[in-house]
Each structure stands twice: as structure tokens, then as C-alpha cells.
C-alpha atoms as a PDB file:
ATOM      1  CA  UNK A   1     -12.386 -54.786 -88.176  1.00  0.00           C
ATOM      2  CA  UNK A   2      -8.853 -53.051 -88.239  1.00  0.00           C
ATOM      3  CA  UNK A   3      -9.395 -51.387 -91.723  1.00  0.00           C
ATOM      4  CA  UNK A   4     -11.834 -50.205 -94.594  1.00  0.00           C
ATOM      5  CA  UNK A   5     -11.666 -50.558 -98.200  1.00  0.00           C
ATOM      6  CA  UNK A   6     -11.027 -46.548 -98.425  1.00  0.00           C
ATOM      7  CA  UNK A   7      -8.036 -46.966 -95.873  1.00  0.00           C
ATOM      8  CA  UNK A   8      -6.561 -49.619 -97.931  1.00  0.00           C
ATOM      9  CA  UNK A   9      -7.124 -47.572-101.259  1.00  0.00           C
ATOM     10  CA  UNK A  10      -5.222 -44.696 -99.458  1.00  0.00           C
ATOM     11  CA  UNK A  11      -2.508 -46.923 -98.283  1.00  0.00           C
ATOM     12  CA  UNK A  12      -1.768 -48.435-101.603  1.00  0.00           C
ATOM     13  CA  UNK A  13      -1.912 -44.877-103.210  1.00  0.00           C
ATOM     14  CA  UNK A  14       0.485 -43.824-100.472  1.00  0.00           C
ATOM     15  CA  UNK A  15       3.109 -46.906-101.170  1.00  0.00           C
ATOM     16  CA  UNK A  16       2.472 -47.591-104.661  1.00  0.00           C
ATOM     17  CA  UNK A  17       0.853 -44.568-106.456  1.00  0.00           C
ATOM     18  CA  UNK A  18       2.026 -45.081-109.826  1.00  0.00           C
ATOM     19  CA  UNK A  19       1.246 -49.195-109.918  1.00  0.00           C
ATOM     20  CA  UNK A  20      -1.892 -50.133-111.676  1.00  0.00           C
ATOM     21  CA  UNK A  21      -4.774 -50.557-109.526  1.00  0.00           C
ATOM     22  CA  UNK A  22      -7.305 -51.540-112.156  1.00  0.00           C
ATOM     23  CA  UNK A  23      -7.390 -51.896-115.967  1.00  0.00           C
ATOM     24  CA  UNK A  24     -10.345 -51.652-118.370  1.00  0.00           C
ATOM     25  CA  UNK A  25     -10.487 -52.271-122.105  1.00  0.00           C
ATOM     26  CA  UNK A  26     -12.103 -49.146-124.011  1.00  0.00           C
ATOM     27  CA  UNK A  27     -12.302 -49.092-127.850  1.00  0.00           C
ATOM     28  CA  UNK A  28      -9.972 -51.980-127.968  1.00  0.00           C
ATOM     29  CA  UNK A  29      -7.026 -50.425-125.778  1.00  0.00           C
ATOM     30  CA  UNK A  30      -6.237 -51.326-122.270  1.00  0.00           C
ATOM     31  CA  UNK A  31      -6.637 -48.165-120.106  1.00  0.00           C
ATOM     32  CA  UNK A  32      -4.814 -48.297-116.777  1.00  0.00           C
ATOM     33  CA  UNK A  33      -5.981 -46.678-113.373  1.00  0.00           C
ATOM     34  CA  UNK A  34      -3.150 -46.377-110.966  1.00  0.00           C
ATOM     35  CA  UNK A  35      -3.688 -46.302-107.343  1.00  0.00           C
ATOM     36  CA  UNK A  36      -3.207 -42.475-107.145  1.00  0.00           C
ATOM     37  CA  UNK A  37      -5.274 -41.736-109.897  1.00  0.00           C
ATOM     38  CA  UNK A  38      -7.958 -44.013-108.267  1.00  0.00           C
ATOM     39  CA  UNK A  39      -7.893 -42.207-104.895  1.00  0.00           C
ATOM     40  CA  UNK A  40      -8.178 -38.858-106.865  1.00  0.00           C
ATOM     41  CA  UNK A  41     -11.221 -40.234-108.442  1.00  0.00           C
ATOM     42  CA  UNK A  42     -12.839 -41.321-105.299  1.00  0.00           C
ATOM     43  CA  UNK A  43     -11.866 -38.321-103.662  1.00  0.00           C
ATOM     44  CA  UNK A  44     -13.611 -36.320-106.260  1.00  0.00           C
ATOM     45  CA  UNK A  45     -16.639 -38.612-106.302  1.00  0.00           C
ATOM     46  CA  UNK A  46     -16.938 -38.312-102.388  1.00  0.00           C
ATOM     47  CA  UNK A  47     -16.897 -34.619-102.474  1.00  0.00           C
ATOM     48  CA  UNK A  48     -19.892 -34.466-105.002  1.00  0.00           C
ATOM     49  CA  UNK A  49     -21.652 -37.022-102.899  1.00  0.00           C
ATOM     50  CA  UNK A  50     -21.115 -35.214 -99.686  1.00  0.00           C
ATOM     51  CA  UNK A  51     -22.424 -31.937-101.624  1.00  0.00           C
ATOM     52  CA  UNK A  52     -25.825 -33.511-102.578  1.00  0.00           C
ATOM     53  CA  UNK A  53     -25.965 -34.534 -99.054  1.00  0.00           C
ATOM     54  CA  UNK A  54     -25.153 -38.049 -98.543  1.00  0.00           C
ATOM     55  CA  UNK A  55     -24.938 -39.008 -94.885  1.00  0.00           C
ATOM     56  CA  UNK A  56     -23.385 -41.483 -92.531  1.00  0.00           C
ATOM     57  CA  UNK A  57     -25.308 -44.700 -92.418  1.00  0.00           C
ATOM     58  CA  UNK A  58     -27.638 -43.899 -95.395  1.00  0.00           C
ATOM     59  CA  UNK A  59     -27.761 -46.667 -98.109  1.00  0.00           C
ATOM     60  CA  UNK A  60     -27.063 -45.214-101.672  1.00  0.00           C
ATOM     61  CA  UNK A  61     -28.130 -47.339-104.951  1.00  0.00           C
ATOM     62  CA  UNK A  62     -25.146 -47.257-107.080  1.00  0.00           C
ATOM     63  CA  UNK A  63     -26.426 -48.527-110.747  1.00  0.00           C
ATOM     64  CA  UNK A  64     -23.711 -49.280-113.421  1.00  0.00           C
ATOM     65  CA  UNK A  65     -21.402 -51.392-115.721  1.00  0.00           C
ATOM     66  CA  UNK A  66     -18.800 -53.559-114.183  1.00  0.00           C
ATOM     67  CA  UNK A  67     -16.318 -50.712-114.737  1.00  0.00           C
ATOM     68  CA  UNK A  68     -13.694 -48.710-112.337  1.00  0.00           C
ATOM     69  CA  UNK A  69     -16.039 -45.744-112.152  1.00  0.00           C
ATOM     70  CA  UNK A  70     -18.522 -47.997-110.408  1.00  0.00           C
ATOM     71  CA  UNK A  71     -16.140 -49.514-107.870  1.00  0.00           C
ATOM     72  CA  UNK A  72     -14.631 -45.862-107.216  1.00  0.00           C
ATOM     73  CA  UNK A  73     -18.382 -44.604-106.384  1.00  0.00           C
ATOM     74  CA  UNK A  74     -18.582 -47.593-104.076  1.00  0.00           C
ATOM     75  CA  UNK A  75     -15.467 -46.556-102.472  1.00  0.00           C
ATOM     76  CA  UNK A  76     -16.580 -42.915-102.335  1.00  0.00           C
ATOM     77  CA  UNK A  77     -19.910 -43.676-100.591  1.00  0.00           C
ATOM     78  CA  UNK A  78     -17.988 -45.895 -98.006  1.00  0.00           C
ATOM     79  CA  UNK A  79     -15.580 -43.089 -97.277  1.00  0.00           C
ATOM     80  CA  UNK A  80     -18.414 -41.089 -96.148  1.00  0.00           C
ATOM     81  CA  UNK A  81     -19.782 -43.633 -94.069  1.00  0.00           C
ATOM     82  CA  UNK A  82     -22.762 -44.510 -96.353  1.00  0.00           C
ATOM     83  CA  UNK A  83     -23.890 -48.087 -97.474  1.00  0.00           C
ATOM     84  CA  UNK A  84     -23.332 -48.534-101.328  1.00  0.00           C
ATOM     85  CA  UNK A  85     -25.849 -51.075-102.680  1.00  0.00           C
ATOM     86  CA  UNK A  86     -24.624 -51.884-106.230  1.00  0.00           C
ATOM     87  CA  UNK A  87     -27.087 -52.869-108.850  1.00  0.00           C
ATOM     88  CA  UNK A  88     -26.477 -53.937-112.350  1.00  0.00           C
ATOM     89  CA  UNK A  89     -27.709 -51.353-115.220  1.00  0.00           C
ATOM     90  CA  UNK A  90     -29.921 -53.999-116.589  1.00  0.00           C
ATOM     91  CA  UNK A  91     -31.267 -55.099-113.349  1.00  0.00           C
ATOM     92  CA  UNK A  92     -35.556 -55.577-113.499  1.00  0.00           C
ATOM     93  CA  UNK A  93     -37.676 -53.656-111.534  1.00  0.00           C
ATOM     94  CA  UNK A  94     -38.136 -56.449-108.983  1.00  0.00           C
ATOM     95  CA  UNK A  95     -34.373 -56.580-108.179  1.00  0.00           C
ATOM     96  CA  UNK A  96     -34.403 -53.063-107.432  1.00  0.00           C
END
């Protein structure tokens, strides 16, 4: 592979920092996440995961709703070389 999703995020954050990367509706109002804002969020989460001891090659379960924070967490894990395994918050024990 020539690139990764974290690299694509950084590329978009550099080329179009103020353009919308994602939108989500909260309390009936659309909230916009810019490329630079998403890159900052991913960096902050990655720093926390690194401090918590996440290592390259480890699998990390990410449980949450279909929201930008879920995808930012998956990108943060990938940025550290880990493998995110997303599960929905209502997944039954057998799926986990």
C-alpha cells in the first residue's frame, strides 16, 4: 500500500484544513468536524492511547455509536500501528 487512512487524514488536514470532514446531528443541529479539527482529535486520542500502553500490532476493541468520535478513535489506533476492531454499543456477548 502506498498510503494509510491516518496519512490521508493528515493530507486532507494540510490541503483543506477548514473544509468539512464529517457532520453529525446533535440535538437537531448539524455539527461540523473540519479536517484540521479531526486531525487534532485523532492526535489527542492517539496520545492517550499511547500513554495507556497501546502497542504496534495489538488489537483494540472500539465500542461505540456510529459517530465521528468512533472513527477518530479507530484512526488514532491505526496511527499507532494498532488494529482497531469496531463493535456497536449494543453488540451481544456472542459478537464480542
